[in-house]
PDB file of N, CA and C in Angstrom:
ATOM      1  N   MET A   1      57.202 104.440 103.316  1.00  0.00           N
ATOM      2  CA  MET A   1      58.059 103.553 104.067  1.00  0.00           C
ATOM      3  C   MET A   1      58.577 102.419 103.192  1.00  0.00           C
ATOM      4  N   ASN A   2      57.787 101.980 102.267  1.00  0.00           N
ATOM      5  CA  ASN A   2      58.181 100.900 101.379  1.00  0.00           C
ATOM      6  C   ASN A   2      59.405 101.293 100.551  1.00  0.00           C
ATOM      7  N   ASP A   3      59.441 102.573 100.101  1.00  0.00           N
ATOM      8  CA  ASP A   3      60.597 103.058  99.346  1.00  0.00           C
ATOM      9  C   ASP A   3      61.867 102.988 100.182  1.00  0.00           C
ATOM     10  N   ASN A   4      61.777 103.313 101.469  1.00  0.00           N
ATOM     11  CA  ASN A   4      62.935 103.248 102.359  1.00  0.00           C
ATOM     12  C   ASN A   4      63.430 101.809 102.500  1.00  0.00           C
ATOM     13  N   ASN A   5      62.511 100.858 102.607  1.00  0.00           N
ATOM     14  CA  ASN A   5      62.902  99.460 102.712  1.00  0.00           C
ATOM     15  C   ASN A   5      63.608  98.989 101.447  1.00  0.00           C
ATOM     16  N   GLU A   6      63.104  99.420 100.295  1.00  0.00           N
ATOM     17  CA  GLU A   6      63.732  99.041  99.031  1.00  0.00           C
ATOM     18  C   GLU A   6      65.129  99.660  98.909  1.00  0.00           C
ATOM     19  N   GLU A   7      65.269 100.915  99.320  1.00  0.00           N
ATOM     20  CA  GLU A   7      66.579 101.573  99.292  1.00  0.00           C
ATOM     21  C   GLU A   7      67.550 100.872 100.234  1.00  0.00           C
ATOM     22  N   PHE A   8      67.085 100.582 101.441  1.00  0.00           N
ATOM     23  CA  PHE A   8      67.922  99.892 102.414  1.00  0.00           C
ATOM     24  C   PHE A   8      68.332  98.514 101.895  1.00  0.00           C
ATOM     25  N   SER A   9      67.387  97.808 101.294  1.00  0.00           N
ATOM     26  CA  SER A   9      67.675  96.486 100.730  1.00  0.00           C
ATOM     27  C   SER A   9      68.734  96.593  99.624  1.00  0.00           C
ATOM     28  N   GLY A  10      68.626  97.627  98.806  1.00  0.00           N
ATOM     29  CA  GLY A  10      69.604  97.832  97.732  1.00  0.00           C
ATOM     30  C   GLY A  10      70.989  98.133  98.283  1.00  0.00           C
ATOM     31  N   ILE A  11      71.038  98.932  99.330  1.00  0.00           N
ATOM     32  CA  ILE A  11      72.319  99.251  99.958  1.00  0.00           C
ATOM     33  C   ILE A  11      72.926  98.000 100.567  1.00  0.00           C
ATOM     34  N   CYS A  12      72.106  97.196 101.222  1.00  0.00           N
ATOM     35  CA  CYS A  12      72.599  95.936 101.819  1.00  0.00           C
ATOM     36  C   CYS A  12      73.157  95.016 100.739  1.00  0.00           C
ATOM     37  N   GLU A  13      72.476  94.922  99.619  1.00  0.00           N
ATOM     38  CA  GLU A  13      72.962  94.087  98.517  1.00  0.00           C
ATOM     39  C   GLU A  13      74.302  94.596  97.991  1.00  0.00           C
ATOM     40  N   LEU A  14      74.433  95.908  97.904  1.00  0.00           N
ATOM     41  CA  LEU A  14      75.700  96.506  97.455  1.00  0.00           C
ATOM     42  C   LEU A  14      76.832  96.124  98.400  1.00  0.00           C
ATOM     43  N   PHE A  15      76.614  96.253  99.700  1.00  0.00           N
ATOM     44  CA  PHE A  15      77.645  95.902 100.674  1.00  0.00           C
ATOM     45  C   PHE A  15      77.949  94.412 100.645  1.00  0.00           C
ATOM     46  N   GLU A  16      76.947  93.596 100.506  1.00  0.00           N
ATOM     47  CA  GLU A  16      77.185  92.159 100.404  1.00  0.00           C
ATOM     48  C   GLU A  16      78.049  91.849  99.192  1.00  0.00           C
ATOM     49  N   GLY A  17      77.787  92.538  98.087  1.00  0.00           N
ATOM     50  CA  GLY A  17      78.587  92.362  96.890  1.00  0.00           C
ATOM     51  C   GLY A  17      80.039  92.778  97.105  1.00  0.00           C
ATOM     52  N   LEU A  18      80.248  93.869  97.826  1.00  0.00           N
ATOM     53  CA  LEU A  18      81.612  94.313  98.122  1.00  0.00           C
ATOM     54  C   LEU A  18      82.353  93.296  98.996  1.00  0.00           C
ATOM     55  N   PHE A  19      81.668  92.756 100.002  1.00  0.00           N
ATOM     56  CA  PHE A  19      82.308  91.751 100.857  1.00  0.00           C
ATOM     57  C   PHE A  19      82.601  90.479 100.069  1.00  0.00           C
ATOM     58  N   ASP A  20      81.699  90.093  99.162  1.00  0.00           N
ATOM     59  CA  ASP A  20      81.958  88.936  98.304  1.00  0.00           C
ATOM     60  C   ASP A  20      83.146  89.183  97.393  1.00  0.00           C
ATOM     61  N   LEU A  21      83.234  90.382  96.848  1.00  0.00           N
ATOM     62  CA  LEU A  21      84.362  90.732  95.980  1.00  0.00           C
ATOM     63  C   LEU A  21      85.679  90.695  96.757  1.00  0.00           C
ATOM     64  N   ALA A  22      85.657  91.177  97.990  1.00  0.00           N
ATOM     65  CA  ALA A  22      86.863  91.134  98.827  1.00  0.00           C
ATOM     66  C   ALA A  22      87.308  89.691  99.027  1.00  0.00           C
ATOM     67  N   LYS A  23      86.377  88.800  99.301  1.00  0.00           N
ATOM     68  CA  LYS A  23      86.727  87.380  99.496  1.00  0.00           C
ATOM     69  C   LYS A  23      87.271  86.767  98.209  1.00  0.00           C
ATOM     70  N   THR A  24      86.763  87.227  97.081  1.00  0.00           N
ATOM     71  CA  THR A  24      87.233  86.731  95.787  1.00  0.00           C
ATOM     72  C   THR A  24      88.672  87.189  95.524  1.00  0.00           C
ATOM     73  N   THR A  25      89.009  88.403  95.940  1.00  0.00           N
ATOM     74  CA  THR A  25      90.353  88.931  95.684  1.00  0.00           C
ATOM     75  C   THR A  25      91.388  88.430  96.692  1.00  0.00           C
ATOM     76  N   LEU A  26      90.937  87.876  97.798  1.00  0.00           N
ATOM     77  CA  LEU A  26      91.853  87.474  98.861  1.00  0.00           C
ATOM     78  C   LEU A  26      92.971  86.544  98.400  1.00  0.00           C
ATOM     79  N   PRO A  27      92.687  85.483  97.632  1.00  0.00           N
ATOM     80  CA  PRO A  27      93.799  84.610  97.194  1.00  0.00           C
ATOM     81  C   PRO A  27      94.855  85.360  96.364  1.00  0.00           C
ATOM     82  N   PHE A  28      94.395  86.261  95.509  1.00  0.00           N
ATOM     83  CA  PHE A  28      95.345  87.047  94.718  1.00  0.00           C
ATOM     84  C   PHE A  28      96.218  87.902  95.625  1.00  0.00           C
ATOM     85  N   PHE A  29      95.594  88.597  96.581  1.00  0.00           N
ATOM     86  CA  PHE A  29      96.352  89.455  97.486  1.00  0.00           C
ATOM     87  C   PHE A  29      97.279  88.644  98.395  1.00  0.00           C
ATOM     88  N   LYS A  30      96.891  87.437  98.751  1.00  0.00           N
ATOM     89  CA  LYS A  30      97.787  86.577  99.539  1.00  0.00           C
ATOM     90  C   LYS A  30      99.026  86.235  98.726  1.00  0.00           C
ATOM     91  N   ASP A  31      98.826  85.840  97.472  1.00  0.00           N
ATOM     92  CA  ASP A  31      99.970  85.520  96.609  1.00  0.00           C
ATOM     93  C   ASP A  31     100.857  86.747  96.409  1.00  0.00           C
ATOM     94  N   PHE A  32     100.242  87.876  96.162  1.00  0.00           N
ATOM     95  CA  PHE A  32     101.002  89.104  95.971  1.00  0.00           C
ATOM     96  C   PHE A  32     101.825  89.429  97.221  1.00  0.00           C
ATOM     97  N   THR A  33     101.217  89.327  98.377  1.00  0.00           N
ATOM     98  CA  THR A  33     101.921  89.614  99.637  1.00  0.00           C
ATOM     99  C   THR A  33     103.101  88.671  99.811  1.00  0.00           C
ATOM    100  N   ASP A  34     102.900  87.399  99.556  1.00  0.00           N
ATOM    101  CA  ASP A  34     104.001  86.432  99.648  1.00  0.00           C
ATOM    102  C   ASP A  34     105.128  86.799  98.677  1.00  0.00           C
ATOM    103  N   ASP A  35     104.753  87.220  97.480  1.00  0.00           N
ATOM    104  CA  ASP A  35     105.768  87.599  96.492  1.00  0.00           C
ATOM    105  C   ASP A  35     106.565  88.828  96.939  1.00  0.00           C
ATOM    106  N   VAL A  36     105.915  89.770  97.574  1.00  0.00           N
ATOM    107  CA  VAL A  36     106.620  90.958  98.069  1.00  0.00           C
ATOM    108  C   VAL A  36     107.509  90.575  99.254  1.00  0.00           C
ATOM    109  N   ILE A  37     106.952  89.827 100.189  1.00  0.00           N
ATOM    110  CA  ILE A  37     107.712  89.429 101.386  1.00  0.00           C
ATOM    111  C   ILE A  37     108.942  88.612 100.997  1.00  0.00           C
ATOM    112  N   ASN A  38     108.793  87.726 100.026  1.00  0.00           N
ATOM    113  CA  ASN A  38     109.903  86.872  99.588  1.00  0.00           C
ATOM    114  C   ASN A  38     110.735  87.499  98.472  1.00  0.00           C
ATOM    115  N   GLU A  39     110.457  88.765  98.192  1.00  0.00           N
ATOM    116  CA  GLU A  39     111.212  89.577  97.226  1.00  0.00           C
ATOM    117  C   GLU A  39     111.191  89.017  95.816  1.00  0.00           C
ATOM    118  N   ARG A  40     110.099  88.362  95.459  1.00  0.00           N
ATOM    119  CA  ARG A  40     109.910  87.952  94.065  1.00  0.00           C
ATOM    120  C   ARG A  40     109.330  89.112  93.257  1.00  0.00           C
ATOM    121  N   ILE A  41     108.689  90.048  93.954  1.00  0.00           N
ATOM    122  CA  ILE A  41     108.249  91.316  93.350  1.00  0.00           C
ATOM    123  C   ILE A  41     108.969  92.421  94.097  1.00  0.00           C
ATOM    124  N   THR A  42     109.749  93.193  93.359  1.00  0.00           N
ATOM    125  CA  THR A  42     110.545  94.245  93.998  1.00  0.00           C
ATOM    126  C   THR A  42     110.344  95.624  93.367  1.00  0.00           C
ATOM    127  N   ARG A  43     109.701  95.669  92.223  1.00  0.00           N
ATOM    128  CA  ARG A  43     109.491  96.980  91.571  1.00  0.00           C
ATOM    129  C   ARG A  43     108.494  97.785  92.403  1.00  0.00           C
ATOM    130  N   ILE A  44     108.943  98.892  92.913  1.00  0.00           N
ATOM    131  CA  ILE A  44     108.140  99.674  93.843  1.00  0.00           C
ATOM    132  C   ILE A  44     106.877 100.214  93.184  1.00  0.00           C
ATOM    133  N   LYS A  45     106.919 100.554  91.927  1.00  0.00           N
ATOM    134  CA  LYS A  45     105.706 101.061  91.244  1.00  0.00           C
ATOM    135  C   LYS A  45     104.637  99.975  91.171  1.00  0.00           C
ATOM    136  N   GLU A  46     105.045  98.755  90.918  1.00  0.00           N
ATOM    137  CA  GLU A  46     104.094  97.648  90.894  1.00  0.00           C
ATOM    138  C   GLU A  46     103.508  97.411  92.290  1.00  0.00           C
ATOM    139  N   ILE A  47     104.352  97.489  93.293  1.00  0.00           N
ATOM    140  CA  ILE A  47     103.890  97.308  94.676  1.00  0.00           C
ATOM    141  C   ILE A  47     102.936  98.423  95.050  1.00  0.00           C
ATOM    142  N   GLU A  48     103.268  99.656  94.711  1.00  0.00           N
ATOM    143  CA  GLU A  48     102.376 100.779  95.020  1.00  0.00           C
ATOM    144  C   GLU A  48     101.019 100.617  94.338  1.00  0.00           C
ATOM    145  N   TRP A  49     101.031 100.199  93.098  1.00  0.00           N
ATOM    146  CA  TRP A  49      99.782 100.011  92.363  1.00  0.00           C
ATOM    147  C   TRP A  49      98.900  98.975  93.066  1.00  0.00           C
ATOM    148  N   GLN A  50      99.519  97.878  93.492  1.00  0.00           N
ATOM    149  CA  GLN A  50      98.737  96.856  94.187  1.00  0.00           C
ATOM    150  C   GLN A  50      98.310  97.300  95.579  1.00  0.00           C
ATOM    151  N   LEU A  51      99.128  98.063  96.280  1.00  0.00           N
ATOM    152  CA  LEU A  51      98.724  98.586  97.580  1.00  0.00           C
ATOM    153  C   LEU A  51      97.495  99.474  97.436  1.00  0.00           C
ATOM    154  N   THR A  52      97.468 100.269  96.386  1.00  0.00           N
ATOM    155  CA  THR A  52      96.311 101.111  96.137  1.00  0.00           C
ATOM    156  C   THR A  52      95.071 100.245  95.898  1.00  0.00           C
ATOM    157  N   ASN A  53      95.232  99.176  95.143  1.00  0.00           N
ATOM    158  CA  ASN A  53      94.112  98.248  94.915  1.00  0.00           C
ATOM    159  C   ASN A  53      93.682  97.594  96.227  1.00  0.00           C
ATOM    160  N   MET A  54      94.649  97.155  96.998  1.00  0.00           N
ATOM    161  CA  MET A  54      94.332  96.496  98.273  1.00  0.00           C
ATOM    162  C   MET A  54      93.585  97.431  99.207  1.00  0.00           C
ATOM    163  N   LEU A  55      93.975  98.681  99.201  1.00  0.00           N
ATOM    164  CA  LEU A  55      93.377  99.636 100.115  1.00  0.00           C
ATOM    165  C   LEU A  55      91.864  99.701  99.942  1.00  0.00           C
ATOM    166  N   SER A  56      91.399  99.502  98.745  1.00  0.00           N
ATOM    167  CA  SER A  56      89.955  99.520  98.500  1.00  0.00           C
ATOM    168  C   SER A  56      89.224  98.401  99.243  1.00  0.00           C
ATOM    169  N   PHE A  57      89.964  97.384  99.665  1.00  0.00           N
ATOM    170  CA  PHE A  57      89.364  96.237 100.336  1.00  0.00           C
ATOM    171  C   PHE A  57      89.818  96.084 101.779  1.00  0.00           C
ATOM    172  N   CYS A  58      90.455  97.098 102.325  1.00  0.00           N
ATOM    173  CA  CYS A  58      90.962  96.994 103.699  1.00  0.00           C
ATOM    174  C   CYS A  58      89.860  97.026 104.750  1.00  0.00           C
ATOM    175  N   PHE A  59      88.609  97.106 104.354  1.00  0.00           N
ATOM    176  CA  PHE A  59      87.514  96.917 105.297  1.00  0.00           C
ATOM    177  C   PHE A  59      87.448  95.451 105.707  1.00  0.00           C
ATOM    178  N   ASP A  60      88.044  94.577 104.893  1.00  0.00           N
ATOM    179  CA  ASP A  60      88.120  93.147 105.189  1.00  0.00           C
ATOM    180  C   ASP A  60      89.362  92.917 106.060  1.00  0.00           C
ATOM    181  N   GLU A  61      89.172  92.302 107.195  1.00  0.00           N
ATOM    182  CA  GLU A  61      90.253  92.129 108.180  1.00  0.00           C
ATOM    183  C   GLU A  61      91.439  91.342 107.617  1.00  0.00           C
ATOM    184  N   GLU A  62      91.158  90.317 106.819  1.00  0.00           N
ATOM    185  CA  GLU A  62      92.255  89.515 106.262  1.00  0.00           C
ATOM    186  C   GLU A  62      93.086  90.322 105.259  1.00  0.00           C
ATOM    187  N   ILE A  63      92.435  91.104 104.449  1.00  0.00           N
ATOM    188  CA  ILE A  63      93.167  91.939 103.480  1.00  0.00           C
ATOM    189  C   ILE A  63      93.930  93.030 104.207  1.00  0.00           C
ATOM    190  N   LEU A  64      93.342  93.587 105.253  1.00  0.00           N
ATOM    191  CA  LEU A  64      94.051  94.587 106.051  1.00  0.00           C
ATOM    192  C   LEU A  64      95.330  94.012 106.641  1.00  0.00           C
ATOM    193  N   LEU A  65      95.281  92.790 107.112  1.00  0.00           N
ATOM    194  CA  LEU A  65      96.497  92.156 107.663  1.00  0.00           C
ATOM    195  C   LEU A  65      97.564  91.994 106.587  1.00  0.00           C
ATOM    196  N   LEU A  66      97.172  91.632 105.377  1.00  0.00           N
ATOM    197  CA  LEU A  66      98.133  91.521 104.274  1.00  0.00           C
ATOM    198  C   LEU A  66      98.729  92.885 103.939  1.00  0.00           C
ATOM    199  N   TYR A  67      97.890  93.885 103.912  1.00  0.00           N
ATOM    200  CA  TYR A  67      98.328  95.270 103.647  1.00  0.00           C
ATOM    201  C   TYR A  67      99.396  95.681 104.672  1.00  0.00           C
ATOM    202  N   LYS A  68      99.131  95.410 105.929  1.00  0.00           N
ATOM    203  CA  LYS A  68     100.082  95.750 106.995  1.00  0.00           C
ATOM    204  C   LYS A  68     101.398  94.984 106.842  1.00  0.00           C
ATOM    205  N   ARG A  69     101.319  93.712 106.457  1.00  0.00           N
ATOM    206  CA  ARG A  69     102.552  92.922 106.267  1.00  0.00           C
ATOM    207  C   ARG A  69     103.433  93.547 105.204  1.00  0.00           C
ATOM    208  N   ILE A  70     102.818  93.979 104.122  1.00  0.00           N
ATOM    209  CA  ILE A  70     103.607  94.606 103.045  1.00  0.00           C
ATOM    210  C   ILE A  70     104.223  95.903 103.524  1.00  0.00           C
ATOM    211  N   LEU A  71     103.440  96.705 104.231  1.00  0.00           N
ATOM    212  CA  LEU A  71     103.983  97.971 104.724  1.00  0.00           C
ATOM    213  C   LEU A  71     105.149  97.748 105.681  1.00  0.00           C
ATOM    214  N   ARG A  72     105.033  96.754 106.532  1.00  0.00           N
ATOM    215  CA  ARG A  72     106.154  96.449 107.444  1.00  0.00           C
ATOM    216  C   ARG A  72     107.395  96.023 106.678  1.00  0.00           C
ATOM    217  N   LYS A  73     107.200  95.248 105.624  1.00  0.00           N
ATOM    218  CA  LYS A  73     108.318  94.792 104.805  1.00  0.00           C
ATOM    219  C   LYS A  73     109.018  95.979 104.123  1.00  0.00           C
ATOM    220  N   LEU A  74     108.235  96.943 103.692  1.00  0.00           N
ATOM    221  CA  LEU A  74     108.779  98.074 102.933  1.00  0.00           C
ATOM    222  C   LEU A  74     109.375  99.179 103.796  1.00  0.00           C
ATOM    223  N   TYR A  75     109.048  99.178 105.076  1.00  0.00           N
ATOM    224  CA  TYR A  75     109.345 100.333 105.916  1.00  0.00           C
ATOM    225  C   TYR A  75     110.825 100.744 105.909  1.00  0.00           C
ATOM    226  N   ASP A  76     111.732  99.804 106.078  1.00  0.00           N
ATOM    227  CA  ASP A  76     113.150 100.177 106.150  1.00  0.00           C
ATOM    228  C   ASP A  76     113.669 100.800 104.862  1.00  0.00           C
ATOM    229  N   LYS A  77     113.195 100.305 103.732  1.00  0.00           N
ATOM    230  CA  LYS A  77     113.694 100.765 102.447  1.00  0.00           C
ATOM    231  C   LYS A  77     112.920 101.977 101.908  1.00  0.00           C
ATOM    232  N   TYR A  78     111.618 102.039 102.201  1.00  0.00           N
ATOM    233  CA  TYR A  78     110.757 103.077 101.630  1.00  0.00           C
ATOM    234  C   TYR A  78     109.860 103.703 102.705  1.00  0.00           C
ATOM    235  N   PRO A  79     110.436 104.344 103.720  1.00  0.00           N
ATOM    236  CA  PRO A  79     109.599 104.884 104.803  1.00  0.00           C
ATOM    237  C   PRO A  79     108.597 105.945 104.338  1.00  0.00           C
ATOM    238  N   ASP A  80     108.959 106.738 103.346  1.00  0.00           N
ATOM    239  CA  ASP A  80     108.035 107.761 102.857  1.00  0.00           C
ATOM    240  C   ASP A  80     106.807 107.141 102.190  1.00  0.00           C
ATOM    241  N   ILE A  81     107.040 106.090 101.438  1.00  0.00           N
ATOM    242  CA  ILE A  81     105.922 105.401 100.785  1.00  0.00           C
ATOM    243  C   ILE A  81     105.023 104.762 101.826  1.00  0.00           C
ATOM    244  N   VAL A  82     105.612 104.133 102.827  1.00  0.00           N
ATOM    245  CA  VAL A  82     104.819 103.511 103.896  1.00  0.00           C
ATOM    246  C   VAL A  82     104.001 104.578 104.617  1.00  0.00           C
ATOM    247  N   GLU A  83     104.622 105.687 104.925  1.00  0.00           N
ATOM    248  CA  GLU A  83     103.906 106.773 105.602  1.00  0.00           C
ATOM    249  C   GLU A  83     102.717 107.239 104.762  1.00  0.00           C
ATOM    250  N   PHE A  84     102.917 107.350 103.463  1.00  0.00           N
ATOM    251  CA  PHE A  84     101.846 107.753 102.565  1.00  0.00           C
ATOM    252  C   PHE A  84     100.674 106.758 102.650  1.00  0.00           C
ATOM    253  N   TYR A  85     100.985 105.461 102.590  1.00  0.00           N
ATOM    254  CA  TYR A  85      99.918 104.458 102.594  1.00  0.00           C
ATOM    255  C   TYR A  85      99.247 104.303 103.956  1.00  0.00           C
ATOM    256  N   VAL A  86      99.971 104.561 105.018  1.00  0.00           N
ATOM    257  CA  VAL A  86      99.340 104.580 106.352  1.00  0.00           C
ATOM    258  C   VAL A  86      98.361 105.753 106.419  1.00  0.00           C
ATOM    259  N   GLN A  87      98.774 106.913 105.943  1.00  0.00           N
ATOM    260  CA  GLN A  87      97.905 108.081 105.950  1.00  0.00           C
ATOM    261  C   GLN A  87      96.705 107.867 105.030  1.00  0.00           C
ATOM    262  N   TYR A  88      96.945 107.271 103.879  1.00  0.00           N
ATOM    263  CA  TYR A  88      95.870 106.968 102.926  1.00  0.00           C
ATOM    264  C   TYR A  88      94.834 106.060 103.590  1.00  0.00           C
ATOM    265  N   TYR A  89      95.310 105.054 104.304  1.00  0.00           N
ATOM    266  CA  TYR A  89      94.413 104.158 105.048  1.00  0.00           C
ATOM    267  C   TYR A  89      93.601 104.952 106.068  1.00  0.00           C
ATOM    268  N   ARG A  90      94.263 105.788 106.824  1.00  0.00           N
ATOM    269  CA  ARG A  90      93.586 106.563 107.863  1.00  0.00           C
ATOM    270  C   ARG A  90      92.493 107.443 107.284  1.00  0.00           C
ATOM    271  N   GLU A  91      92.786 108.068 106.160  1.00  0.00           N
ATOM    272  CA  GLU A  91      91.793 108.931 105.524  1.00  0.00           C
ATOM    273  C   GLU A  91      90.573 108.138 105.081  1.00  0.00           C
ATOM    274  N   MET A  92      90.769 106.909 104.649  1.00  0.00           N
ATOM    275  CA  MET A  92      89.647 106.101 104.179  1.00  0.00           C
ATOM    276  C   MET A  92      88.870 105.435 105.298  1.00  0.00           C
ATOM    277  N   TYR A  93      89.566 104.983 106.345  1.00  0.00           N
ATOM    278  CA  TYR A  93      88.926 104.092 107.305  1.00  0.00           C
ATOM    279  C   TYR A  93      88.911 104.552 108.751  1.00  0.00           C
ATOM    280  N   GLU A  94      89.659 105.551 109.091  1.00  0.00           N
ATOM    281  CA  GLU A  94      89.736 105.928 110.492  1.00  0.00           C
ATOM    282  C   GLU A  94      88.383 106.427 110.974  1.00  0.00           C
ATOM    283  N   ASP A  95      88.012 105.973 112.159  1.00  0.00           N
ATOM    284  CA  ASP A  95      86.721 106.353 112.719  1.00  0.00           C
ATOM    285  C   ASP A  95      86.864 107.271 113.914  1.00  0.00           C
ATOM    286  N   GLY A  96      88.004 107.915 114.046  1.00  0.00           N
ATOM    287  CA  GLY A  96      88.221 108.808 115.173  1.00  0.00           C
ATOM    288  C   GLY A  96      89.066 108.177 116.266  1.00  0.00           C
ATOM    289  N   ASN A  97      89.226 106.853 116.252  1.00  0.00           N
ATOM    290  CA  ASN A  97      90.082 106.178 117.213  1.00  0.00           C
ATOM    291  C   ASN A  97      91.497 106.126 116.658  1.00  0.00           C
ATOM    292  N   SER A  98      92.450 106.117 117.525  1.00  0.00           N
ATOM    293  CA  SER A  98      93.839 106.016 117.101  1.00  0.00           C
ATOM    294  C   SER A  98      94.102 104.606 116.578  1.00  0.00           C
ATOM    295  N   ILE A  99      94.616 104.515 115.377  1.00  0.00           N
ATOM    296  CA  ILE A  99      94.946 103.204 114.806  1.00  0.00           C
ATOM    297  C   ILE A  99      96.441 103.049 114.647  1.00  0.00           C
ATOM    298  N   GLU A 100      97.211 104.019 115.118  1.00  0.00           N
ATOM    299  CA  GLU A 100      98.646 103.976 114.945  1.00  0.00           C
ATOM    300  C   GLU A 100      99.216 102.663 115.462  1.00  0.00           C
ATOM    301  N   SER A 101      98.775 102.243 116.625  1.00  0.00           N
ATOM    302  CA  SER A 101      99.304 100.993 117.191  1.00  0.00           C
ATOM    303  C   SER A 101      98.848  99.780 116.405  1.00  0.00           C
ATOM    304  N   LYS A 102      97.723  99.884 115.714  1.00  0.00           N
ATOM    305  CA  LYS A 102      97.235  98.763 114.916  1.00  0.00           C
ATOM    306  C   LYS A 102      98.028  98.602 113.623  1.00  0.00           C
ATOM    307  N   MET A 103      98.562  99.716 113.107  1.00  0.00           N
ATOM    308  CA  MET A 103      99.253  99.662 111.815  1.00  0.00           C
ATOM    309  C   MET A 103     100.663  99.092 111.961  1.00  0.00           C
ATOM    310  N   TYR A 104     101.264  99.146 113.140  1.00  0.00           N
ATOM    311  CA  TYR A 104     102.642  98.648 113.281  1.00  0.00           C
ATOM    312  C   TYR A 104     102.744  97.630 114.359  1.00  0.00           C
TER     313      TYR A 104
END
C-alpha cells in the first residue's frame, strides 16, 4: 500500500507542476492572443504553431478562453484551420459531452 501512496503522490506532484506551468505561460498567451486579435501577428504558420502550444494547456480554463478567442478571430479567413484545431481540442479533452456550443 505504501508503494501506491508514493505513486499517487508522484502523480499529484506532476499535475501540480503542469498547473503551475500553465499559470506561468498565461501572460505570454494573453499577449499572443492580443497580438492576433489586434492583427499585430498575422502569419498563419506562426499562429498555428502557437495554437498547438496553447492546446497543451487548454486544461486551464483561462488558456482555453484565449484559445477560443483566437479561433473565433480566425474563423472567417481560415475556417479549415479553425475546424482542425476544434477537432484537435476535442480529441485531447472531450469527455463524451458535446462541447460544440462551448467552442463557439
